[in-house]
Amino acid sequence: MDYLQQITWRPGIGDPTVMGWVTVGAYAVAAAVAGVAAHRARGAAAPHPGPDRTWLLVAGLMALLCVNKQLDLQSLFTDLGRVLAREQGWYARRREVLP
């Protein structure tokens, strides 16, 4: 439980601007369109099931990007990684990456 107290990320709207919401809408539309494409590819009786799975993957990725845009989940995973690295002793042995 000590891990949870060290995490600085808090759930909330990460980008409340108009452009942030437009981006969320675009991701949602892309996910819906990819879902429709997957449904149509499945119904087309293609010789192999690859296209419908590909569209389902695209739909899932777009849905994840839609949620991540506002919840800023990459910051949560960064915090979790940092806490774990400190607890496991990796953080003290880190090296700086030089350009």
N, C-alpha and C. Protein backbone atom coordinates (compact mmCIF):
# COMPACT_ATOMS: atom_id res chain seq x y z
N MET A 1 0.80 -1.20 0.00
CA MET A 1 0.00 0.00 0.00
C MET A 1 0.85 1.26 0.00
N ASP A 2 2.06 1.14 0.43
CA ASP A 2 2.96 2.29 0.46
C ASP A 2 3.20 2.82 -0.96
N TYR A 3 3.11 1.93 -1.97
CA TYR A 3 3.29 2.34 -3.36
C TYR A 3 2.29 3.42 -3.75
N LEU A 4 1.04 3.23 -3.36
CA LEU A 4 -0.02 4.16 -3.76
C LEU A 4 0.19 5.56 -3.21
N GLN A 5 0.80 5.66 -2.05
CA GLN A 5 1.04 6.97 -1.45
C GLN A 5 2.16 7.72 -2.17
N GLN A 6 3.04 7.02 -2.87
CA GLN A 6 4.17 7.64 -3.55
C GLN A 6 3.83 8.12 -4.96
N ILE A 7 2.70 7.69 -5.48
CA ILE A 7 2.31 8.04 -6.85
C ILE A 7 1.73 9.45 -6.86
N THR A 8 2.25 10.30 -7.74
CA THR A 8 1.78 11.68 -7.81
C THR A 8 0.63 11.85 -8.80
N TRP A 9 0.42 10.89 -9.71
CA TRP A 9 -0.65 10.98 -10.70
C TRP A 9 -2.01 10.89 -9.99
N ARG A 10 -2.93 11.70 -10.44
CA ARG A 10 -4.30 11.67 -9.94
C ARG A 10 -5.26 11.63 -11.12
N PRO A 11 -6.33 10.85 -11.04
CA PRO A 11 -7.27 10.81 -12.15
C PRO A 11 -7.96 12.15 -12.33
N GLY A 12 -8.16 12.50 -13.55
CA GLY A 12 -8.82 13.76 -13.86
C GLY A 12 -8.66 14.07 -15.34
N ILE A 13 -9.28 15.13 -15.77
CA ILE A 13 -9.19 15.55 -17.17
C ILE A 13 -7.83 16.20 -17.38
N GLY A 14 -7.03 15.58 -18.22
CA GLY A 14 -5.66 16.04 -18.42
C GLY A 14 -5.52 17.20 -19.39
N ASP A 15 -6.43 17.32 -20.34
CA ASP A 15 -6.34 18.37 -21.35
C ASP A 15 -7.73 18.94 -21.60
N PRO A 16 -8.19 19.86 -20.76
CA PRO A 16 -9.56 20.36 -20.87
C PRO A 16 -9.77 21.41 -21.95
N THR A 17 -8.79 21.61 -22.82
CA THR A 17 -8.92 22.61 -23.87
C THR A 17 -9.83 22.10 -24.99
N VAL A 18 -10.25 23.02 -25.83
CA VAL A 18 -11.08 22.64 -26.99
C VAL A 18 -10.31 21.68 -27.89
N MET A 19 -9.05 21.97 -28.13
CA MET A 19 -8.25 21.10 -29.00
C MET A 19 -8.06 19.72 -28.38
N GLY A 20 -7.95 19.66 -27.06
CA GLY A 20 -7.86 18.36 -26.38
C GLY A 20 -9.10 17.52 -26.61
N TRP A 21 -10.27 18.16 -26.49
CA TRP A 21 -11.52 17.44 -26.71
C TRP A 21 -11.73 17.08 -28.17
N VAL A 22 -11.27 17.94 -29.07
CA VAL A 22 -11.35 17.61 -30.51
C VAL A 22 -10.50 16.37 -30.79
N THR A 23 -9.33 16.30 -30.18
CA THR A 23 -8.47 15.13 -30.36
C THR A 23 -9.14 13.87 -29.81
N VAL A 24 -9.74 13.97 -28.64
CA VAL A 24 -10.46 12.84 -28.06
C VAL A 24 -11.58 12.39 -29.00
N GLY A 25 -12.32 13.36 -29.54
CA GLY A 25 -13.38 13.03 -30.49
C GLY A 25 -12.86 12.36 -31.74
N ALA A 26 -11.72 12.83 -32.24
CA ALA A 26 -11.13 12.22 -33.43
C ALA A 26 -10.71 10.78 -33.16
N TYR A 27 -10.12 10.54 -32.00
CA TYR A 27 -9.75 9.16 -31.64
C TYR A 27 -11.00 8.28 -31.54
N ALA A 28 -12.06 8.81 -30.94
CA ALA A 28 -13.29 8.04 -30.79
C ALA A 28 -13.92 7.72 -32.15
N VAL A 29 -13.93 8.70 -33.05
CA VAL A 29 -14.46 8.46 -34.40
C VAL A 29 -13.61 7.43 -35.13
N ALA A 30 -12.28 7.55 -35.01
CA ALA A 30 -11.39 6.59 -35.66
C ALA A 30 -11.62 5.18 -35.12
N ALA A 31 -11.83 5.06 -33.81
CA ALA A 31 -12.10 3.75 -33.22
C ALA A 31 -13.42 3.18 -33.75
N ALA A 32 -14.44 4.02 -33.85
CA ALA A 32 -15.73 3.56 -34.36
C ALA A 32 -15.64 3.14 -35.83
N VAL A 33 -14.95 3.93 -36.62
CA VAL A 33 -14.80 3.60 -38.05
C VAL A 33 -14.02 2.30 -38.22
N ALA A 34 -12.96 2.13 -37.43
CA ALA A 34 -12.19 0.88 -37.50
C ALA A 34 -13.05 -0.31 -37.04
N GLY A 35 -13.90 -0.10 -36.05
CA GLY A 35 -14.81 -1.16 -35.63
C GLY A 35 -15.79 -1.55 -36.72
N VAL A 36 -16.31 -0.57 -37.42
CA VAL A 36 -17.21 -0.86 -38.55
C VAL A 36 -16.46 -1.60 -39.65
N ALA A 37 -15.24 -1.17 -39.92
CA ALA A 37 -14.42 -1.84 -40.95
C ALA A 37 -14.16 -3.29 -40.56
N ALA A 38 -13.92 -3.55 -39.27
CA ALA A 38 -13.70 -4.93 -38.81
C ALA A 38 -14.96 -5.76 -39.01
N HIS A 39 -16.10 -5.17 -38.70
CA HIS A 39 -17.37 -5.88 -38.88
C HIS A 39 -17.61 -6.20 -40.35
N ARG A 40 -17.33 -5.26 -41.22
CA ARG A 40 -17.52 -5.49 -42.66
C ARG A 40 -16.52 -6.50 -43.20
N ALA A 41 -15.28 -6.46 -42.71
CA ALA A 41 -14.27 -7.43 -43.17
C ALA A 41 -14.64 -8.84 -42.74
N ARG A 42 -15.24 -8.96 -41.57
CA ARG A 42 -15.66 -10.28 -41.09
C ARG A 42 -16.80 -10.81 -41.95
N GLY A 43 -17.70 -9.93 -42.36
CA GLY A 43 -18.84 -10.35 -43.15
C GLY A 43 -18.51 -10.57 -44.62
N ALA A 44 -17.34 -10.14 -45.05
CA ALA A 44 -16.98 -10.26 -46.47
C ALA A 44 -16.52 -11.66 -46.84
N ALA A 45 -16.43 -12.57 -45.87
CA ALA A 45 -16.00 -13.95 -46.12
C ALA A 45 -14.66 -13.98 -46.84
N ALA A 46 -13.72 -13.27 -46.30
CA ALA A 46 -12.36 -13.24 -46.87
C ALA A 46 -11.73 -14.63 -46.74
N PRO A 47 -10.77 -14.93 -47.63
CA PRO A 47 -10.14 -16.24 -47.58
C PRO A 47 -9.39 -16.52 -46.27
N HIS A 48 -8.92 -15.48 -45.60
CA HIS A 48 -8.29 -15.65 -44.29
C HIS A 48 -8.73 -14.53 -43.36
N PRO A 49 -8.70 -14.77 -42.05
CA PRO A 49 -9.29 -13.85 -41.10
C PRO A 49 -8.41 -12.65 -40.72
N GLY A 50 -7.37 -12.37 -41.45
CA GLY A 50 -6.44 -11.30 -41.08
C GLY A 50 -7.02 -9.90 -41.06
N PRO A 51 -7.74 -9.47 -42.11
CA PRO A 51 -8.21 -8.08 -42.14
C PRO A 51 -9.12 -7.69 -40.97
N ASP A 52 -10.04 -8.55 -40.56
CA ASP A 52 -10.93 -8.18 -39.46
C ASP A 52 -10.17 -8.07 -38.14
N ARG A 53 -9.19 -8.91 -37.94
CA ARG A 53 -8.37 -8.82 -36.73
C ARG A 53 -7.52 -7.55 -36.73
N THR A 54 -7.02 -7.19 -37.88
CA THR A 54 -6.22 -5.97 -37.99
C THR A 54 -7.07 -4.75 -37.65
N TRP A 55 -8.28 -4.69 -38.20
CA TRP A 55 -9.16 -3.57 -37.91
C TRP A 55 -9.59 -3.54 -36.45
N LEU A 56 -9.78 -4.71 -35.85
CA LEU A 56 -10.11 -4.76 -34.43
C LEU A 56 -8.95 -4.24 -33.58
N LEU A 57 -7.73 -4.57 -33.98
CA LEU A 57 -6.55 -4.07 -33.28
C LEU A 57 -6.47 -2.54 -33.39
N VAL A 58 -6.70 -2.03 -34.61
CA VAL A 58 -6.69 -0.58 -34.81
C VAL A 58 -7.78 0.09 -33.96
N ALA A 59 -8.97 -0.50 -33.94
CA ALA A 59 -10.08 0.05 -33.14
C ALA A 59 -9.70 0.07 -31.66
N GLY A 60 -9.11 -0.99 -31.17
CA GLY A 60 -8.70 -1.05 -29.77
C GLY A 60 -7.63 -0.02 -29.43
N LEU A 61 -6.65 0.12 -30.32
CA LEU A 61 -5.60 1.11 -30.09
C LEU A 61 -6.15 2.53 -30.09
N MET A 62 -7.05 2.82 -31.01
CA MET A 62 -7.65 4.16 -31.05
C MET A 62 -8.48 4.42 -29.79
N ALA A 63 -9.17 3.41 -29.30
CA ALA A 63 -9.95 3.57 -28.06
C ALA A 63 -9.02 3.82 -26.87
N LEU A 64 -7.90 3.11 -26.82
CA LEU A 64 -6.93 3.34 -25.75
C LEU A 64 -6.34 4.75 -25.82
N LEU A 65 -6.03 5.20 -27.03
CA LEU A 65 -5.51 6.56 -27.19
C LEU A 65 -6.54 7.60 -26.78
N CYS A 66 -7.80 7.32 -27.06
CA CYS A 66 -8.89 8.23 -26.68
C CYS A 66 -8.95 8.39 -25.16
N VAL A 67 -8.90 7.29 -24.45
CA VAL A 67 -8.95 7.33 -22.99
C VAL A 67 -7.67 7.96 -22.43
N ASN A 68 -6.53 7.57 -22.99
CA ASN A 68 -5.25 8.08 -22.51
C ASN A 68 -5.10 9.58 -22.71
N LYS A 69 -5.69 10.13 -23.76
CA LYS A 69 -5.55 11.56 -24.03
C LYS A 69 -6.01 12.39 -22.85
N GLN A 70 -7.10 12.01 -22.23
CA GLN A 70 -7.61 12.82 -21.13
C GLN A 70 -7.15 12.32 -19.75
N LEU A 71 -6.90 11.05 -19.60
CA LEU A 71 -6.49 10.54 -18.29
C LEU A 71 -4.98 10.57 -18.07
N ASP A 72 -4.21 10.78 -19.13
CA ASP A 72 -2.75 10.89 -19.03
C ASP A 72 -2.16 9.65 -18.37
N LEU A 73 -2.55 8.48 -18.88
CA LEU A 73 -2.13 7.21 -18.28
C LEU A 73 -0.64 6.96 -18.37
N GLN A 74 0.04 7.53 -19.37
CA GLN A 74 1.49 7.32 -19.45
C GLN A 74 2.19 7.91 -18.23
N SER A 75 1.64 8.97 -17.65
CA SER A 75 2.21 9.53 -16.43
C SER A 75 2.00 8.58 -15.25
N LEU A 76 0.86 7.90 -15.21
CA LEU A 76 0.62 6.91 -14.17
C LEU A 76 1.65 5.79 -14.27
N PHE A 77 1.89 5.28 -15.49
CA PHE A 77 2.84 4.19 -15.65
C PHE A 77 4.27 4.65 -15.36
N THR A 78 4.59 5.90 -15.68
CA THR A 78 5.90 6.44 -15.34
C THR A 78 6.07 6.50 -13.83
N ASP A 79 5.05 6.98 -13.13
CA ASP A 79 5.10 7.03 -11.67
C ASP A 79 5.25 5.63 -11.07
N LEU A 80 4.46 4.69 -11.59
CA LEU A 80 4.56 3.32 -11.09
C LEU A 80 5.95 2.74 -11.31
N GLY A 81 6.51 2.98 -12.48
CA GLY A 81 7.86 2.50 -12.77
C GLY A 81 8.90 3.13 -11.87
N ARG A 82 8.76 4.41 -11.62
CA ARG A 82 9.70 5.12 -10.75
C ARG A 82 9.62 4.59 -9.32
N VAL A 83 8.41 4.40 -8.81
CA VAL A 83 8.23 3.86 -7.46
C VAL A 83 8.81 2.46 -7.37
N LEU A 84 8.52 1.63 -8.34
CA LEU A 84 9.05 0.27 -8.35
C LEU A 84 10.58 0.27 -8.43
N ALA A 85 11.14 1.16 -9.25
CA ALA A 85 12.60 1.24 -9.38
C ALA A 85 13.24 1.66 -8.05
N ARG A 86 12.61 2.58 -7.36
CA ARG A 86 13.15 2.99 -6.05
C ARG A 86 13.05 1.86 -5.04
N GLU A 87 11.93 1.19 -5.01
CA GLU A 87 11.72 0.10 -4.04
C GLU A 87 12.66 -1.07 -4.30
N GLN A 88 12.96 -1.34 -5.56
CA GLN A 88 13.81 -2.46 -5.93
C GLN A 88 15.29 -2.11 -5.96
N GLY A 89 15.62 -0.83 -5.79
CA GLY A 89 17.01 -0.42 -5.78
C GLY A 89 17.59 -0.11 -7.15
N TRP A 90 16.78 -0.13 -8.18
CA TRP A 90 17.26 0.16 -9.54
C TRP A 90 17.53 1.64 -9.73
N TYR A 91 16.78 2.46 -9.06
CA TYR A 91 16.85 3.91 -9.29
C TYR A 91 18.22 4.45 -8.93
N ALA A 92 18.83 3.92 -7.89
CA ALA A 92 20.16 4.39 -7.47
C ALA A 92 21.24 3.99 -8.47
N ARG A 93 20.98 2.96 -9.27
CA ARG A 93 21.97 2.49 -10.25
C ARG A 93 21.69 2.99 -11.66
N ARG A 94 20.79 3.94 -11.81
CA ARG A 94 20.44 4.43 -13.13
C ARG A 94 21.60 5.20 -13.73
N ARG A 95 21.61 5.28 -15.05
CA ARG A 95 22.65 6.05 -15.75
C ARG A 95 21.98 7.11 -16.61
N GLU A 96 22.65 8.21 -16.76
CA GLU A 96 22.12 9.27 -17.60
C GLU A 96 22.38 8.93 -19.06
N VAL A 97 21.39 9.20 -19.89
CA VAL A 97 21.53 8.97 -21.33
C VAL A 97 21.99 10.27 -21.94
N LEU A 98 23.12 10.22 -22.57
CA LEU A 98 23.66 11.44 -23.20
C LEU A 98 23.31 11.46 -24.68
N PRO A 99 23.03 12.65 -25.20
CA PRO A 99 22.67 12.74 -26.63
C PRO A 99 23.84 12.46 -27.54
